[in-house]
Amino acid sequence: MMKELVENLAKALVDQPEKVVVNLIEKDKSTLIELKVAPEDMGKVIGKQGRIAKAIRTLVKVAATRQKKKVIVEII
């Protein structure tokens, strides 16, 4: 569910949605979500002063709280 959420959000923001890759890495007490986009789309995913990246992290955090999990979103 988290992976699909991040993937859908990223694909809606970028010009090259086919280059969006989301990896899910399960750890002991947390989950790491790695988001990779085309270099020219990086600014669109991060946003001015990181606002869009912060919004994506907030949405994922809310979804994770409902499932009682800790999720970290990393943009690569």
PDB file of N, CA and C in Angstrom:
ATOM      1  N   MET A   1       0.824  -1.204   0.000  1.00  0.00           N
ATOM      2  CA  MET A   1       0.000   0.000   0.000  1.00  0.00           C
ATOM      3  C   MET A   1       0.865   1.264   0.000  1.00  0.00           C
ATOM      4  N   MET A   2       1.885   1.295   0.849  1.00  0.00           N
ATOM      5  CA  MET A   2       2.764   2.475   0.923  1.00  0.00           C
ATOM      6  C   MET A   2       3.518   2.678  -0.389  1.00  0.00           C
ATOM      7  N   LYS A   3       4.000   1.572  -0.936  1.00  0.00           N
ATOM      8  CA  LYS A   3       4.764   1.641  -2.183  1.00  0.00           C
ATOM      9  C   LYS A   3       3.897   2.234  -3.298  1.00  0.00           C
ATOM     10  N   GLU A   4       2.658   1.769  -3.400  1.00  0.00           N
ATOM     11  CA  GLU A   4       1.746   2.265  -4.428  1.00  0.00           C
ATOM     12  C   GLU A   4       1.422   3.748  -4.215  1.00  0.00           C
ATOM     13  N   LEU A   5       1.280   4.145  -2.961  1.00  0.00           N
ATOM     14  CA  LEU A   5       0.990   5.549  -2.647  1.00  0.00           C
ATOM     15  C   LEU A   5       2.113   6.453  -3.140  1.00  0.00           C
ATOM     16  N   VAL A   6       3.346   6.116  -2.796  1.00  0.00           N
ATOM     17  CA  VAL A   6       4.497   6.925  -3.202  1.00  0.00           C
ATOM     18  C   VAL A   6       4.646   6.911  -4.727  1.00  0.00           C
ATOM     19  N   GLU A   7       4.461   5.744  -5.322  1.00  0.00           N
ATOM     20  CA  GLU A   7       4.593   5.613  -6.777  1.00  0.00           C
ATOM     21  C   GLU A   7       3.560   6.463  -7.511  1.00  0.00           C
ATOM     22  N   ASN A   8       2.311   6.411  -7.072  1.00  0.00           N
ATOM     23  CA  ASN A   8       1.255   7.196  -7.711  1.00  0.00           C
ATOM     24  C   ASN A   8       1.482   8.698  -7.550  1.00  0.00           C
ATOM     25  N   LEU A   9       1.899   9.115  -6.365  1.00  0.00           N
ATOM     26  CA  LEU A   9       2.180  10.538  -6.133  1.00  0.00           C
ATOM     27  C   LEU A   9       3.313  11.017  -7.039  1.00  0.00           C
ATOM     28  N   ALA A  10       4.386  10.244  -7.101  1.00  0.00           N
ATOM     29  CA  ALA A  10       5.550  10.630  -7.907  1.00  0.00           C
ATOM     30  C   ALA A  10       5.200  10.669  -9.389  1.00  0.00           C
ATOM     31  N   LYS A  11       4.476   9.671  -9.865  1.00  0.00           N
ATOM     32  CA  LYS A  11       4.115   9.626 -11.296  1.00  0.00           C
ATOM     33  C   LYS A  11       3.230  10.801 -11.688  1.00  0.00           C
ATOM     34  N   ALA A  12       2.410  11.274 -10.762  1.00  0.00           N
ATOM     35  CA  ALA A  12       1.541  12.417 -11.039  1.00  0.00           C
ATOM     36  C   ALA A  12       2.335  13.726 -11.129  1.00  0.00           C
ATOM     37  N   LEU A  13       3.496  13.773 -10.491  1.00  0.00           N
ATOM     38  CA  LEU A  13       4.283  15.001 -10.430  1.00  0.00           C
ATOM     39  C   LEU A  13       5.278  15.164 -11.580  1.00  0.00           C
ATOM     40  N   VAL A  14       5.800  14.068 -12.106  1.00  0.00           N
ATOM     41  CA  VAL A  14       6.929  14.127 -13.039  1.00  0.00           C
ATOM     42  C   VAL A  14       6.502  14.136 -14.503  1.00  0.00           C
ATOM     43  N   ASP A  15       7.457  14.510 -15.376  1.00  0.00           N
ATOM     44  CA  ASP A  15       7.221  14.496 -16.816  1.00  0.00           C
ATOM     45  C   ASP A  15       7.474  13.117 -17.416  1.00  0.00           C
ATOM     46  N   GLN A  16       8.300  12.311 -16.747  1.00  0.00           N
ATOM     47  CA  GLN A  16       8.656  10.975 -17.243  1.00  0.00           C
ATOM     48  C   GLN A  16       8.230   9.911 -16.227  1.00  0.00           C
ATOM     49  N   PRO A  17       6.928   9.621 -16.155  1.00  0.00           N
ATOM     50  CA  PRO A  17       6.447   8.665 -15.145  1.00  0.00           C
ATOM     51  C   PRO A  17       6.987   7.247 -15.332  1.00  0.00           C
ATOM     52  N   GLU A  18       7.423   6.922 -16.548  1.00  0.00           N
ATOM     53  CA  GLU A  18       7.961   5.574 -16.784  1.00  0.00           C
ATOM     54  C   GLU A  18       9.312   5.359 -16.104  1.00  0.00           C
ATOM     55  N   LYS A  19       9.973   6.440 -15.703  1.00  0.00           N
ATOM     56  CA  LYS A  19      11.283   6.330 -15.044  1.00  0.00           C
ATOM     57  C   LYS A  19      11.187   6.356 -13.516  1.00  0.00           C
ATOM     58  N   VAL A  20       9.973   6.377 -12.979  1.00  0.00           N
ATOM     59  CA  VAL A  20       9.780   6.353 -11.526  1.00  0.00           C
ATOM     60  C   VAL A  20       9.962   4.921 -11.033  1.00  0.00           C
ATOM     61  N   VAL A  21      10.860   4.761 -10.061  1.00  0.00           N
ATOM     62  CA  VAL A  21      11.115   3.446  -9.461  1.00  0.00           C
ATOM     63  C   VAL A  21      11.003   3.591  -7.948  1.00  0.00           C
ATOM     64  N   VAL A  22      10.215   2.707  -7.344  1.00  0.00           N
ATOM     65  CA  VAL A  22      10.038   2.723  -5.896  1.00  0.00           C
ATOM     66  C   VAL A  22      10.452   1.367  -5.340  1.00  0.00           C
ATOM     67  N   ASN A  23      11.396   1.383  -4.400  1.00  0.00           N
ATOM     68  CA  ASN A  23      11.852   0.155  -3.741  1.00  0.00           C
ATOM     69  C   ASN A  23      11.420   0.178  -2.282  1.00  0.00           C
ATOM     70  N   LEU A  24      10.972  -0.958  -1.807  1.00  0.00           N
ATOM     71  CA  LEU A  24      10.522  -1.098  -0.425  1.00  0.00           C
ATOM     72  C   LEU A  24      11.516  -2.002   0.306  1.00  0.00           C
ATOM     73  N   ILE A  25      12.121  -1.494   1.370  1.00  0.00           N
ATOM     74  CA  ILE A  25      13.097  -2.262   2.144  1.00  0.00           C
ATOM     75  C   ILE A  25      12.573  -2.409   3.566  1.00  0.00           C
ATOM     76  N   GLU A  26      12.257  -3.637   3.934  1.00  0.00           N
ATOM     77  CA  GLU A  26      11.737  -3.923   5.276  1.00  0.00           C
ATOM     78  C   GLU A  26      12.905  -4.077   6.247  1.00  0.00           C
ATOM     79  N   LYS A  27      12.828  -3.393   7.371  1.00  0.00           N
ATOM     80  CA  LYS A  27      13.810  -3.539   8.436  1.00  0.00           C
ATOM     81  C   LYS A  27      13.086  -4.036   9.680  1.00  0.00           C
ATOM     82  N   ASP A  28      13.800  -4.166  10.785  1.00  0.00           N
ATOM     83  CA  ASP A  28      13.207  -4.713  12.000  1.00  0.00           C
ATOM     84  C   ASP A  28      11.941  -3.968  12.432  1.00  0.00           C
ATOM     85  N   LYS A  29      12.097  -2.695  12.723  1.00  0.00           N
ATOM     86  CA  LYS A  29      10.962  -1.934  13.251  1.00  0.00           C
ATOM     87  C   LYS A  29      10.489  -0.839  12.309  1.00  0.00           C
ATOM     88  N   SER A  30      11.069  -0.774  11.117  1.00  0.00           N
ATOM     89  CA  SER A  30      10.679   0.281  10.190  1.00  0.00           C
ATOM     90  C   SER A  30      10.751  -0.212   8.751  1.00  0.00           C
ATOM     91  N   THR A  31      10.218   0.598   7.872  1.00  0.00           N
ATOM     92  CA  THR A  31      10.242   0.314   6.443  1.00  0.00           C
ATOM     93  C   THR A  31      10.859   1.516   5.742  1.00  0.00           C
ATOM     94  N   LEU A  32      11.782   1.251   4.832  1.00  0.00           N
ATOM     95  CA  LEU A  32      12.418   2.311   4.051  1.00  0.00           C
ATOM     96  C   LEU A  32      11.860   2.264   2.635  1.00  0.00           C
ATOM     97  N   ILE A  33      11.376   3.389   2.158  1.00  0.00           N
ATOM     98  CA  ILE A  33      10.882   3.494   0.783  1.00  0.00           C
ATOM     99  C   ILE A  33      11.844   4.387   0.020  1.00  0.00           C
ATOM    100  N   GLU A  34      12.484   3.820  -1.001  1.00  0.00           N
ATOM    101  CA  GLU A  34      13.406   4.578  -1.849  1.00  0.00           C
ATOM    102  C   GLU A  34      12.678   4.987  -3.118  1.00  0.00           C
ATOM    103  N   LEU A  35      12.713   6.283  -3.414  1.00  0.00           N
ATOM    104  CA  LEU A  35      12.067   6.818  -4.614  1.00  0.00           C
ATOM    105  C   LEU A  35      13.138   7.318  -5.565  1.00  0.00           C
ATOM    106  N   LYS A  36      13.145   6.777  -6.774  1.00  0.00           N
ATOM    107  CA  LYS A  36      14.096   7.208  -7.801  1.00  0.00           C
ATOM    108  C   LYS A  36      13.303   7.768  -8.974  1.00  0.00           C
ATOM    109  N   VAL A  37      13.737   8.933  -9.463  1.00  0.00           N
ATOM    110  CA  VAL A  37      13.106   9.549 -10.636  1.00  0.00           C
ATOM    111  C   VAL A  37      14.207   9.992 -11.593  1.00  0.00           C
ATOM    112  N   ALA A  38      13.807  10.376 -12.795  1.00  0.00           N
ATOM    113  CA  ALA A  38      14.769  10.885 -13.774  1.00  0.00           C
ATOM    114  C   ALA A  38      15.422  12.147 -13.202  1.00  0.00           C
ATOM    115  N   PRO A  39      16.713  12.367 -13.486  1.00  0.00           N
ATOM    116  CA  PRO A  39      17.416  13.544 -12.936  1.00  0.00           C
ATOM    117  C   PRO A  39      16.708  14.872 -13.225  1.00  0.00           C
ATOM    118  N   GLU A  40      16.128  14.987 -14.423  1.00  0.00           N
ATOM    119  CA  GLU A  40      15.464  16.253 -14.756  1.00  0.00           C
ATOM    120  C   GLU A  40      14.128  16.427 -14.031  1.00  0.00           C
ATOM    121  N   ASP A  41      13.594  15.371 -13.440  1.00  0.00           N
ATOM    122  CA  ASP A  41      12.343  15.454 -12.678  1.00  0.00           C
ATOM    123  C   ASP A  41      12.576  15.600 -11.178  1.00  0.00           C
ATOM    124  N   MET A  42      13.822  15.565 -10.750  1.00  0.00           N
ATOM    125  CA  MET A  42      14.145  15.614  -9.328  1.00  0.00           C
ATOM    126  C   MET A  42      13.566  16.870  -8.661  1.00  0.00           C
ATOM    127  N   GLY A  43      13.677  18.007  -9.325  1.00  0.00           N
ATOM    128  CA  GLY A  43      13.165  19.263  -8.764  1.00  0.00           C
ATOM    129  C   GLY A  43      11.663  19.245  -8.557  1.00  0.00           C
ATOM    130  N   LYS A  44      10.953  18.543  -9.440  1.00  0.00           N
ATOM    131  CA  LYS A  44       9.495  18.479  -9.323  1.00  0.00           C
ATOM    132  C   LYS A  44       9.067  17.638  -8.135  1.00  0.00           C
ATOM    133  N   VAL A  45       9.856  16.622  -7.804  1.00  0.00           N
ATOM    134  CA  VAL A  45       9.519  15.756  -6.678  1.00  0.00           C
ATOM    135  C   VAL A  45       9.922  16.405  -5.359  1.00  0.00           C
ATOM    136  N   ILE A  46      11.013  17.150  -5.370  1.00  0.00           N
ATOM    137  CA  ILE A  46      11.471  17.808  -4.140  1.00  0.00           C
ATOM    138  C   ILE A  46      10.703  19.105  -3.894  1.00  0.00           C
ATOM    139  N   GLY A  47      10.507  19.902  -4.929  1.00  0.00           N
ATOM    140  CA  GLY A  47       9.767  21.149  -4.784  1.00  0.00           C
ATOM    141  C   GLY A  47      10.617  22.263  -4.201  1.00  0.00           C
ATOM    142  N   LYS A  48      10.059  23.460  -4.199  1.00  0.00           N
ATOM    143  CA  LYS A  48      10.771  24.607  -3.636  1.00  0.00           C
ATOM    144  C   LYS A  48      10.924  24.415  -2.136  1.00  0.00           C
ATOM    145  N   GLN A  49      12.161  24.545  -1.686  1.00  0.00           N
ATOM    146  CA  GLN A  49      12.521  24.394  -0.272  1.00  0.00           C
ATOM    147  C   GLN A  49      12.061  23.038   0.284  1.00  0.00           C
ATOM    148  N   GLY A  50      11.928  22.034  -0.587  1.00  0.00           N
ATOM    149  CA  GLY A  50      11.583  20.690  -0.145  1.00  0.00           C
ATOM    150  C   GLY A  50      10.134  20.495   0.261  1.00  0.00           C
ATOM    151  N   ARG A  51       9.268  21.396  -0.150  1.00  0.00           N
ATOM    152  CA  ARG A  51       7.865  21.336   0.284  1.00  0.00           C
ATOM    153  C   ARG A  51       7.131  20.103  -0.227  1.00  0.00           C
ATOM    154  N   ILE A  52       7.336  19.741  -1.488  1.00  0.00           N
ATOM    155  CA  ILE A  52       6.628  18.586  -2.048  1.00  0.00           C
ATOM    156  C   ILE A  52       7.149  17.302  -1.407  1.00  0.00           C
ATOM    157  N   ALA A  53       8.469  17.201  -1.241  1.00  0.00           N
ATOM    158  CA  ALA A  53       9.050  16.033  -0.580  1.00  0.00           C
ATOM    159  C   ALA A  53       8.503  15.898   0.841  1.00  0.00           C
ATOM    160  N   LYS A  54       8.390  17.009   1.541  1.00  0.00           N
ATOM    161  CA  LYS A  54       7.860  16.998   2.906  1.00  0.00           C
ATOM    162  C   LYS A  54       6.392  16.564   2.905  1.00  0.00           C
ATOM    163  N   ALA A  55       5.637  17.013   1.918  1.00  0.00           N
ATOM    164  CA  ALA A  55       4.221  16.631   1.819  1.00  0.00           C
ATOM    165  C   ALA A  55       4.081  15.136   1.544  1.00  0.00           C
ATOM    166  N   ILE A  56       4.926  14.598   0.662  1.00  0.00           N
ATOM    167  CA  ILE A  56       4.900  13.155   0.379  1.00  0.00           C
ATOM    168  C   ILE A  56       5.208  12.377   1.658  1.00  0.00           C
ATOM    169  N   ARG A  57       6.235  12.813   2.386  1.00  0.00           N
ATOM    170  CA  ARG A  57       6.604  12.132   3.633  1.00  0.00           C
ATOM    171  C   ARG A  57       5.477  12.195   4.665  1.00  0.00           C
ATOM    172  N   THR A  58       4.787  13.332   4.718  1.00  0.00           N
ATOM    173  CA  THR A  58       3.680  13.493   5.663  1.00  0.00           C
ATOM    174  C   THR A  58       2.535  12.547   5.325  1.00  0.00           C
ATOM    175  N   LEU A  59       2.183  12.445   4.050  1.00  0.00           N
ATOM    176  CA  LEU A  59       1.106  11.542   3.634  1.00  0.00           C
ATOM    177  C   LEU A  59       1.453  10.089   3.958  1.00  0.00           C
ATOM    178  N   VAL A  60       2.686   9.707   3.690  1.00  0.00           N
ATOM    179  CA  VAL A  60       3.117   8.336   3.978  1.00  0.00           C
ATOM    180  C   VAL A  60       3.114   8.088   5.484  1.00  0.00           C
ATOM    181  N   LYS A  61       3.535   9.084   6.246  1.00  0.00           N
ATOM    182  CA  LYS A  61       3.563   8.940   7.700  1.00  0.00           C
ATOM    183  C   LYS A  61       2.151   8.732   8.263  1.00  0.00           C
ATOM    184  N   VAL A  62       1.194   9.459   7.723  1.00  0.00           N
ATOM    185  CA  VAL A  62      -0.197   9.310   8.163  1.00  0.00           C
ATOM    186  C   VAL A  62      -0.700   7.907   7.834  1.00  0.00           C
ATOM    187  N   ALA A  63      -0.428   7.443   6.616  1.00  0.00           N
ATOM    188  CA  ALA A  63      -0.850   6.097   6.219  1.00  0.00           C
ATOM    189  C   ALA A  63      -0.161   5.038   7.077  1.00  0.00           C
ATOM    190  N   ALA A  64       1.104   5.258   7.407  1.00  0.00           N
ATOM    191  CA  ALA A  64       1.865   4.300   8.217  1.00  0.00           C
ATOM    192  C   ALA A  64       1.355   4.264   9.658  1.00  0.00           C
ATOM    193  N   THR A  65       0.950   5.401  10.168  1.00  0.00           N
ATOM    194  CA  THR A  65       0.438   5.474  11.532  1.00  0.00           C
ATOM    195  C   THR A  65      -0.826   4.637  11.674  1.00  0.00           C
ATOM    196  N   ARG A  66      -1.646   4.633  10.647  1.00  0.00           N
ATOM    197  CA  ARG A  66      -2.858   3.820  10.677  1.00  0.00           C
ATOM    198  C   ARG A  66      -2.527   2.336  10.770  1.00  0.00           C
ATOM    199  N   GLN A  67      -1.386   1.941  10.199  1.00  0.00           N
ATOM    200  CA  GLN A  67      -0.964   0.536  10.228  1.00  0.00           C
ATOM    201  C   GLN A  67       0.019   0.257  11.370  1.00  0.00           C
ATOM    202  N   LYS A  68       0.254   1.273  12.204  1.00  0.00           N
ATOM    203  CA  LYS A  68       1.173   1.160  13.341  1.00  0.00           C
ATOM    204  C   LYS A  68       2.573   0.741  12.902  1.00  0.00           C
ATOM    205  N   LYS A  69       3.064   1.393  11.866  1.00  0.00           N
ATOM    206  CA  LYS A  69       4.415   1.141  11.345  1.00  0.00           C
ATOM    207  C   LYS A  69       5.183   2.451  11.260  1.00  0.00           C
ATOM    208  N   LYS A  70       6.499   2.339  11.223  1.00  0.00           N
ATOM    209  CA  LYS A  70       7.349   3.508  11.002  1.00  0.00           C
ATOM    210  C   LYS A  70       7.890   3.389   9.579  1.00  0.00           C
ATOM    211  N   VAL A  71       7.652   4.421   8.782  1.00  0.00           N
ATOM    212  CA  VAL A  71       8.081   4.402   7.376  1.00  0.00           C
ATOM    213  C   VAL A  71       8.932   5.627   7.096  1.00  0.00           C
ATOM    214  N   ILE A  72      10.052   5.404   6.413  1.00  0.00           N
ATOM    215  CA  ILE A  72      10.963   6.475   6.024  1.00  0.00           C
ATOM    216  C   ILE A  72      10.984   6.562   4.498  1.00  0.00           C
ATOM    217  N   VAL A  73      10.791   7.758   3.964  1.00  0.00           N
ATOM    218  CA  VAL A  73      10.838   7.963   2.510  1.00  0.00           C
ATOM    219  C   VAL A  73      12.134   8.661   2.175  1.00  0.00           C
ATOM    220  N   GLU A  74      12.909   8.057   1.264  1.00  0.00           N
ATOM    221  CA  GLU A  74      14.188   8.607   0.827  1.00  0.00           C
ATOM    222  C   GLU A  74      14.123   8.853  -0.674  1.00  0.00           C
ATOM    223  N   ILE A  75      14.454  10.061  -1.096  1.00  0.00           N
ATOM    224  CA  ILE A  75      14.479  10.378  -2.519  1.00  0.00           C
ATOM    225  C   ILE A  75      15.916  10.299  -3.001  1.00  0.00           C
ATOM    226  N   ILE A  76      16.137   9.426  -3.979  1.00  0.00           N
ATOM    227  CA  ILE A  76      17.504   9.162  -4.457  1.00  0.00           C
ATOM    228  C   ILE A  76      17.684   9.790  -5.836  1.00  0.00           C
TER     229      ILE A  76
END
